[in-house]
Amino acid sequence: MSGNQVSIPVHIRDHFEDGDVLRWKVVDGTLRVGHTGQKQGVFEDFQPGEPDEQVDVVTEHDRSELE
């Protein structure tokens, strides 16, 4: 471990694919790592819709108090 980064040994990384999710949890002082496979093609059939009303982005920006 270095700073906020952790190296995963290659013999462990080889079991996973890009996009897979690792969940880290400490239980009674022991680190446990769980694996969730990345679902492929989740948004393949996604069709963006039209908004119900037009949005004035300047007004929304000012309302959010961002500068």
PDB file of N, CA and C in Angstrom:
ATOM      1  N   MET A   1       0.850  -1.163   0.000  1.00  0.00           N
ATOM      2  CA  MET A   1       0.000   0.000   0.000  1.00  0.00           C
ATOM      3  C   MET A   1       0.895   1.226   0.000  1.00  0.00           C
ATOM      4  N   SER A   2       0.517   2.204  -0.827  1.00  0.00           N
ATOM      5  CA  SER A   2       1.280   3.444  -0.916  1.00  0.00           C
ATOM      6  C   SER A   2       0.295   4.602  -1.025  1.00  0.00           C
ATOM      7  N   GLY A   3       0.285   5.463   0.002  1.00  0.00           N
ATOM      8  CA  GLY A   3      -0.675   6.563  -0.010  1.00  0.00           C
ATOM      9  C   GLY A   3      -2.081   6.000   0.018  1.00  0.00           C
ATOM     10  N   ASN A   4      -2.879   6.379  -0.966  1.00  0.00           N
ATOM     11  CA  ASN A   4      -4.252   5.876  -1.058  1.00  0.00           C
ATOM     12  C   ASN A   4      -4.395   4.808  -2.128  1.00  0.00           C
ATOM     13  N   GLN A   5      -3.294   4.180  -2.506  1.00  0.00           N
ATOM     14  CA  GLN A   5      -3.345   3.187  -3.571  1.00  0.00           C
ATOM     15  C   GLN A   5      -2.912   1.821  -3.050  1.00  0.00           C
ATOM     16  N   VAL A   6      -3.548   0.793  -3.614  1.00  0.00           N
ATOM     17  CA  VAL A   6      -3.229  -0.583  -3.247  1.00  0.00           C
ATOM     18  C   VAL A   6      -2.893  -1.342  -4.517  1.00  0.00           C
ATOM     19  N   SER A   7      -1.839  -2.119  -4.480  1.00  0.00           N
ATOM     20  CA  SER A   7      -1.474  -2.958  -5.623  1.00  0.00           C
ATOM     21  C   SER A   7      -2.078  -4.341  -5.434  1.00  0.00           C
ATOM     22  N   ILE A   8      -2.698  -4.839  -6.495  1.00  0.00           N
ATOM     23  CA  ILE A   8      -3.263  -6.186  -6.460  1.00  0.00           C
ATOM     24  C   ILE A   8      -2.339  -7.082  -7.272  1.00  0.00           C
ATOM     25  N   PRO A   9      -1.820  -8.133  -6.659  1.00  0.00           N
ATOM     26  CA  PRO A   9      -0.887  -9.007  -7.364  1.00  0.00           C
ATOM     27  C   PRO A   9      -1.490  -9.556  -8.656  1.00  0.00           C
ATOM     28  N   VAL A  10      -0.654  -9.715  -9.660  1.00  0.00           N
ATOM     29  CA  VAL A  10      -1.109 -10.146 -10.979  1.00  0.00           C
ATOM     30  C   VAL A  10      -1.821 -11.495 -10.936  1.00  0.00           C
ATOM     31  N   HIS A  11      -1.372 -12.418 -10.084  1.00  0.00           N
ATOM     32  CA  HIS A  11      -2.018 -13.737 -10.040  1.00  0.00           C
ATOM     33  C   HIS A  11      -3.458 -13.642  -9.514  1.00  0.00           C
ATOM     34  N   ILE A  12      -3.793 -12.558  -8.834  1.00  0.00           N
ATOM     35  CA  ILE A  12      -5.177 -12.324  -8.404  1.00  0.00           C
ATOM     36  C   ILE A  12      -5.917 -11.535  -9.481  1.00  0.00           C
ATOM     37  N   ARG A  13      -5.264 -10.492 -10.019  1.00  0.00           N
ATOM     38  CA  ARG A  13      -5.890  -9.673 -11.075  1.00  0.00           C
ATOM     39  C   ARG A  13      -6.297 -10.498 -12.275  1.00  0.00           C
ATOM     40  N   ASP A  14      -5.551 -11.535 -12.586  1.00  0.00           N
ATOM     41  CA  ASP A  14      -5.842 -12.361 -13.764  1.00  0.00           C
ATOM     42  C   ASP A  14      -7.205 -13.042 -13.696  1.00  0.00           C
ATOM     43  N   HIS A  15      -7.797 -13.114 -12.509  1.00  0.00           N
ATOM     44  CA  HIS A  15      -9.110 -13.749 -12.353  1.00  0.00           C
ATOM     45  C   HIS A  15     -10.261 -12.812 -12.688  1.00  0.00           C
ATOM     46  N   PHE A  16      -9.953 -11.531 -12.949  1.00  0.00           N
ATOM     47  CA  PHE A  16     -10.997 -10.540 -13.153  1.00  0.00           C
ATOM     48  C   PHE A  16     -10.825  -9.849 -14.495  1.00  0.00           C
ATOM     49  N   GLU A  17     -11.853  -9.087 -14.876  1.00  0.00           N
ATOM     50  CA  GLU A  17     -11.825  -8.354 -16.136  1.00  0.00           C
ATOM     51  C   GLU A  17     -11.938  -6.869 -15.876  1.00  0.00           C
ATOM     52  N   ASP A  18     -11.515  -6.052 -16.849  1.00  0.00           N
ATOM     53  CA  ASP A  18     -11.693  -4.616 -16.733  1.00  0.00           C
ATOM     54  C   ASP A  18     -13.158  -4.320 -16.486  1.00  0.00           C
ATOM     55  N   GLY A  19     -13.434  -3.428 -15.559  1.00  0.00           N
ATOM     56  CA  GLY A  19     -14.806  -3.052 -15.252  1.00  0.00           C
ATOM     57  C   GLY A  19     -15.408  -3.829 -14.099  1.00  0.00           C
ATOM     58  N   ASP A  20     -14.778  -4.932 -13.681  1.00  0.00           N
ATOM     59  CA  ASP A  20     -15.269  -5.654 -12.517  1.00  0.00           C
ATOM     60  C   ASP A  20     -15.132  -4.758 -11.287  1.00  0.00           C
ATOM     61  N   VAL A  21     -15.994  -4.966 -10.314  1.00  0.00           N
ATOM     62  CA  VAL A  21     -15.998  -4.147  -9.110  1.00  0.00           C
ATOM     63  C   VAL A  21     -15.527  -4.988  -7.933  1.00  0.00           C
ATOM     64  N   LEU A  22     -14.580  -4.430  -7.172  1.00  0.00           N
ATOM     65  CA  LEU A  22     -14.138  -5.066  -5.933  1.00  0.00           C
ATOM     66  C   LEU A  22     -14.690  -4.249  -4.775  1.00  0.00           C
ATOM     67  N   ARG A  23     -15.306  -4.920  -3.809  1.00  0.00           N
ATOM     68  CA  ARG A  23     -15.858  -4.243  -2.635  1.00  0.00           C
ATOM     69  C   ARG A  23     -14.974  -4.580  -1.433  1.00  0.00           C
ATOM     70  N   TRP A  24     -14.503  -3.543  -0.749  1.00  0.00           N
ATOM     71  CA  TRP A  24     -13.582  -3.684   0.370  1.00  0.00           C
ATOM     72  C   TRP A  24     -14.348  -3.480   1.670  1.00  0.00           C
ATOM     73  N   LYS A  25     -14.077  -4.358   2.660  1.00  0.00           N
ATOM     74  CA  LYS A  25     -14.761  -4.257   3.942  1.00  0.00           C
ATOM     75  C   LYS A  25     -13.821  -4.778   5.033  1.00  0.00           C
ATOM     76  N   VAL A  26     -13.809  -4.084   6.172  1.00  0.00           N
ATOM     77  CA  VAL A  26     -13.020  -4.551   7.310  1.00  0.00           C
ATOM     78  C   VAL A  26     -13.988  -5.161   8.317  1.00  0.00           C
ATOM     79  N   VAL A  27     -13.747  -6.427   8.664  1.00  0.00           N
ATOM     80  CA  VAL A  27     -14.580  -7.152   9.622  1.00  0.00           C
ATOM     81  C   VAL A  27     -13.677  -7.660  10.734  1.00  0.00           C
ATOM     82  N   ASP A  28     -13.916  -7.179  11.936  1.00  0.00           N
ATOM     83  CA  ASP A  28     -13.102  -7.577  13.097  1.00  0.00           C
ATOM     84  C   ASP A  28     -11.610  -7.424  12.823  1.00  0.00           C
ATOM     85  N   GLY A  29     -11.237  -6.332  12.165  1.00  0.00           N
ATOM     86  CA  GLY A  29      -9.827  -6.056  11.897  1.00  0.00           C
ATOM     87  C   GLY A  29      -9.247  -6.812  10.722  1.00  0.00           C
ATOM     88  N   THR A  30     -10.072  -7.571  10.017  1.00  0.00           N
ATOM     89  CA  THR A  30      -9.608  -8.331   8.866  1.00  0.00           C
ATOM     90  C   THR A  30     -10.204  -7.746   7.592  1.00  0.00           C
ATOM     91  N   LEU A  31      -9.355  -7.528   6.596  1.00  0.00           N
ATOM     92  CA  LEU A  31      -9.821  -7.005   5.315  1.00  0.00           C
ATOM     93  C   LEU A  31     -10.456  -8.127   4.510  1.00  0.00           C
ATOM     94  N   ARG A  32     -11.664  -7.864   4.025  1.00  0.00           N
ATOM     95  CA  ARG A  32     -12.350  -8.811   3.151  1.00  0.00           C
ATOM     96  C   ARG A  32     -12.664  -8.102   1.846  1.00  0.00           C
ATOM     97  N   VAL A  33     -12.420  -8.780   0.757  1.00  0.00           N
ATOM     98  CA  VAL A  33     -12.670  -8.208  -0.555  1.00  0.00           C
ATOM     99  C   VAL A  33     -13.660  -9.101  -1.282  1.00  0.00           C
ATOM    100  N   GLY A  34     -14.722  -8.471  -1.791  1.00  0.00           N
ATOM    101  CA  GLY A  34     -15.716  -9.212  -2.561  1.00  0.00           C
ATOM    102  C   GLY A  34     -15.659  -8.769  -4.010  1.00  0.00           C
ATOM    103  N   HIS A  35     -16.166  -9.603  -4.888  1.00  0.00           N
ATOM    104  CA  HIS A  35     -16.101  -9.341  -6.322  1.00  0.00           C
ATOM    105  C   HIS A  35     -17.501  -9.317  -6.909  1.00  0.00           C
ATOM    106  N   THR A  36     -17.754  -8.304  -7.727  1.00  0.00           N
ATOM    107  CA  THR A  36     -18.992  -8.223  -8.484  1.00  0.00           C
ATOM    108  C   THR A  36     -18.609  -8.039  -9.938  1.00  0.00           C
ATOM    109  N   GLY A  37     -19.007  -8.944 -10.787  1.00  0.00           N
ATOM    110  CA  GLY A  37     -18.682  -8.828 -12.205  1.00  0.00           C
ATOM    111  C   GLY A  37     -19.388  -7.639 -12.837  1.00  0.00           C
ATOM    112  N   GLN A  38     -18.754  -7.050 -13.808  1.00  0.00           N
ATOM    113  CA  GLN A  38     -19.334  -5.922 -14.537  1.00  0.00           C
ATOM    114  C   GLN A  38     -20.360  -6.464 -15.514  1.00  0.00           C
ATOM    115  N   LYS A  39     -21.551  -5.901 -15.484  1.00  0.00           N
ATOM    116  CA  LYS A  39     -22.577  -6.312 -16.443  1.00  0.00           C
ATOM    117  C   LYS A  39     -22.276  -5.658 -17.777  1.00  0.00           C
ATOM    118  N   GLN A  40     -22.142  -6.441 -18.800  1.00  0.00           N
ATOM    119  CA  GLN A  40     -21.845  -5.927 -20.129  1.00  0.00           C
ATOM    120  C   GLN A  40     -23.132  -5.516 -20.826  1.00  0.00           C
ATOM    121  N   GLY A  41     -23.068  -4.427 -21.532  1.00  0.00           N
ATOM    122  CA  GLY A  41     -24.186  -4.000 -22.350  1.00  0.00           C
ATOM    123  C   GLY A  41     -25.388  -3.486 -21.577  1.00  0.00           C
ATOM    124  N   VAL A  42     -25.183  -2.978 -20.386  1.00  0.00           N
ATOM    125  CA  VAL A  42     -26.283  -2.515 -19.560  1.00  0.00           C
ATOM    126  C   VAL A  42     -27.103  -1.440 -20.275  1.00  0.00           C
ATOM    127  N   PHE A  43     -26.444  -0.543 -21.001  1.00  0.00           N
ATOM    128  CA  PHE A  43     -27.140   0.563 -21.645  1.00  0.00           C
ATOM    129  C   PHE A  43     -27.286   0.390 -23.158  1.00  0.00           C
ATOM    130  N   GLU A  44     -27.101  -0.804 -23.665  1.00  0.00           N
ATOM    131  CA  GLU A  44     -27.172  -1.013 -25.107  1.00  0.00           C
ATOM    132  C   GLU A  44     -28.503  -0.577 -25.714  1.00  0.00           C
ATOM    133  N   ASP A  45     -29.606  -0.831 -25.019  1.00  0.00           N
ATOM    134  CA  ASP A  45     -30.928  -0.508 -25.542  1.00  0.00           C
ATOM    135  C   ASP A  45     -31.447   0.838 -25.058  1.00  0.00           C
ATOM    136  N   PHE A  46     -30.608   1.607 -24.365  1.00  0.00           N
ATOM    137  CA  PHE A  46     -31.058   2.880 -23.803  1.00  0.00           C
ATOM    138  C   PHE A  46     -31.370   3.882 -24.905  1.00  0.00           C
ATOM    139  N   GLN A  47     -32.534   4.477 -24.815  1.00  0.00           N
ATOM    140  CA  GLN A  47     -32.942   5.528 -25.741  1.00  0.00           C
ATOM    141  C   GLN A  47     -33.270   6.766 -24.916  1.00  0.00           C
ATOM    142  N   PRO A  48     -32.482   7.826 -25.038  1.00  0.00           N
ATOM    143  CA  PRO A  48     -32.783   9.022 -24.241  1.00  0.00           C
ATOM    144  C   PRO A  48     -34.119   9.610 -24.674  1.00  0.00           C
ATOM    145  N   GLY A  49     -34.858  10.085 -23.721  1.00  0.00           N
ATOM    146  CA  GLY A  49     -36.149  10.693 -24.011  1.00  0.00           C
ATOM    147  C   GLY A  49     -36.053  12.209 -23.978  1.00  0.00           C
ATOM    148  N   GLU A  50     -37.123  12.830 -24.381  1.00  0.00           N
ATOM    149  CA  GLU A  50     -37.214  14.283 -24.326  1.00  0.00           C
ATOM    150  C   GLU A  50     -37.697  14.677 -22.934  1.00  0.00           C
ATOM    151  N   PRO A  51     -37.153  15.771 -22.379  1.00  0.00           N
ATOM    152  CA  PRO A  51     -37.628  16.213 -21.066  1.00  0.00           C
ATOM    153  C   PRO A  51     -39.066  16.720 -21.166  1.00  0.00           C
ATOM    154  N   ASP A  52     -39.786  16.639 -20.047  1.00  0.00           N
ATOM    155  CA  ASP A  52     -41.166  17.117 -20.013  1.00  0.00           C
ATOM    156  C   ASP A  52     -41.243  18.626 -20.228  1.00  0.00           C
ATOM    157  N   GLU A  53     -40.196  19.327 -19.818  1.00  0.00           N
ATOM    158  CA  GLU A  53     -40.160  20.774 -19.996  1.00  0.00           C
ATOM    159  C   GLU A  53     -38.736  21.202 -20.301  1.00  0.00           C
ATOM    160  N   GLN A  54     -38.587  22.305 -20.963  1.00  0.00           N
ATOM    161  CA  GLN A  54     -37.263  22.819 -21.279  1.00  0.00           C
ATOM    162  C   GLN A  54     -36.593  23.330 -20.005  1.00  0.00           C
ATOM    163  N   VAL A  55     -35.286  23.187 -19.942  1.00  0.00           N
ATOM    164  CA  VAL A  55     -34.521  23.618 -18.776  1.00  0.00           C
ATOM    165  C   VAL A  55     -33.659  24.803 -19.166  1.00  0.00           C
ATOM    166  N   ASP A  56     -33.760  25.881 -18.400  1.00  0.00           N
ATOM    167  CA  ASP A  56     -32.905  27.049 -18.594  1.00  0.00           C
ATOM    168  C   ASP A  56     -31.641  26.805 -17.780  1.00  0.00           C
ATOM    169  N   VAL A  57     -30.563  26.428 -18.438  1.00  0.00           N
ATOM    170  CA  VAL A  57     -29.355  26.025 -17.727  1.00  0.00           C
ATOM    171  C   VAL A  57     -28.737  27.172 -16.939  1.00  0.00           C
ATOM    172  N   VAL A  58     -28.888  28.403 -17.402  1.00  0.00           N
ATOM    173  CA  VAL A  58     -28.337  29.546 -16.661  1.00  0.00           C
ATOM    174  C   VAL A  58     -29.072  29.697 -15.339  1.00  0.00           C
ATOM    175  N   THR A  59     -30.389  29.622 -15.382  1.00  0.00           N
ATOM    176  CA  THR A  59     -31.182  29.738 -14.156  1.00  0.00           C
ATOM    177  C   THR A  59     -30.874  28.587 -13.202  1.00  0.00           C
ATOM    178  N   GLU A  60     -30.781  27.370 -13.725  1.00  0.00           N
ATOM    179  CA  GLU A  60     -30.464  26.218 -12.883  1.00  0.00           C
ATOM    180  C   GLU A  60     -29.085  26.347 -12.271  1.00  0.00           C
ATOM    181  N   HIS A  61     -28.142  26.863 -13.050  1.00  0.00           N
ATOM    182  CA  HIS A  61     -26.792  27.069 -12.537  1.00  0.00           C
ATOM    183  C   HIS A  61     -26.823  28.061 -11.394  1.00  0.00           C
ATOM    184  N   ASP A  62     -27.498  29.210 -11.598  1.00  0.00           N
ATOM    185  CA  ASP A  62     -27.565  30.240 -10.558  1.00  0.00           C
ATOM    186  C   ASP A  62     -28.287  29.726  -9.326  1.00  0.00           C
ATOM    187  N   ARG A  63     -29.313  28.912  -9.536  1.00  0.00           N
ATOM    188  CA  ARG A  63     -30.071  28.358  -8.412  1.00  0.00           C
ATOM    189  C   ARG A  63     -29.200  27.439  -7.572  1.00  0.00           C
ATOM    190  N   SER A  64     -28.265  26.751  -8.192  1.00  0.00           N
ATOM    191  CA  SER A  64     -27.408  25.813  -7.461  1.00  0.00           C
ATOM    192  C   SER A  64     -26.280  26.525  -6.727  1.00  0.00           C
ATOM    193  N   GLU A  65     -26.158  27.824  -6.909  1.00  0.00           N
ATOM    194  CA  GLU A  65     -25.160  28.666  -6.244  1.00  0.00           C
ATOM    195  C   GLU A  65     -23.736  28.288  -6.622  1.00  0.00           C
ATOM    196  N   LEU A  66     -23.567  27.754  -7.804  1.00  0.00           N
ATOM    197  CA  LEU A  66     -22.226  27.470  -8.299  1.00  0.00           C
ATOM    198  C   LEU A  66     -21.691  28.696  -8.994  1.00  0.00           C
ATOM    199  N   GLU A  67     -20.400  28.879  -8.924  1.00  0.00           N
ATOM    200  CA  GLU A  67     -19.785  30.015  -9.617  1.00  0.00           C
ATOM    201  C   GLU A  67     -18.738  29.542 -10.576  1.00  0.00           C
TER     202      GLU A  67
END
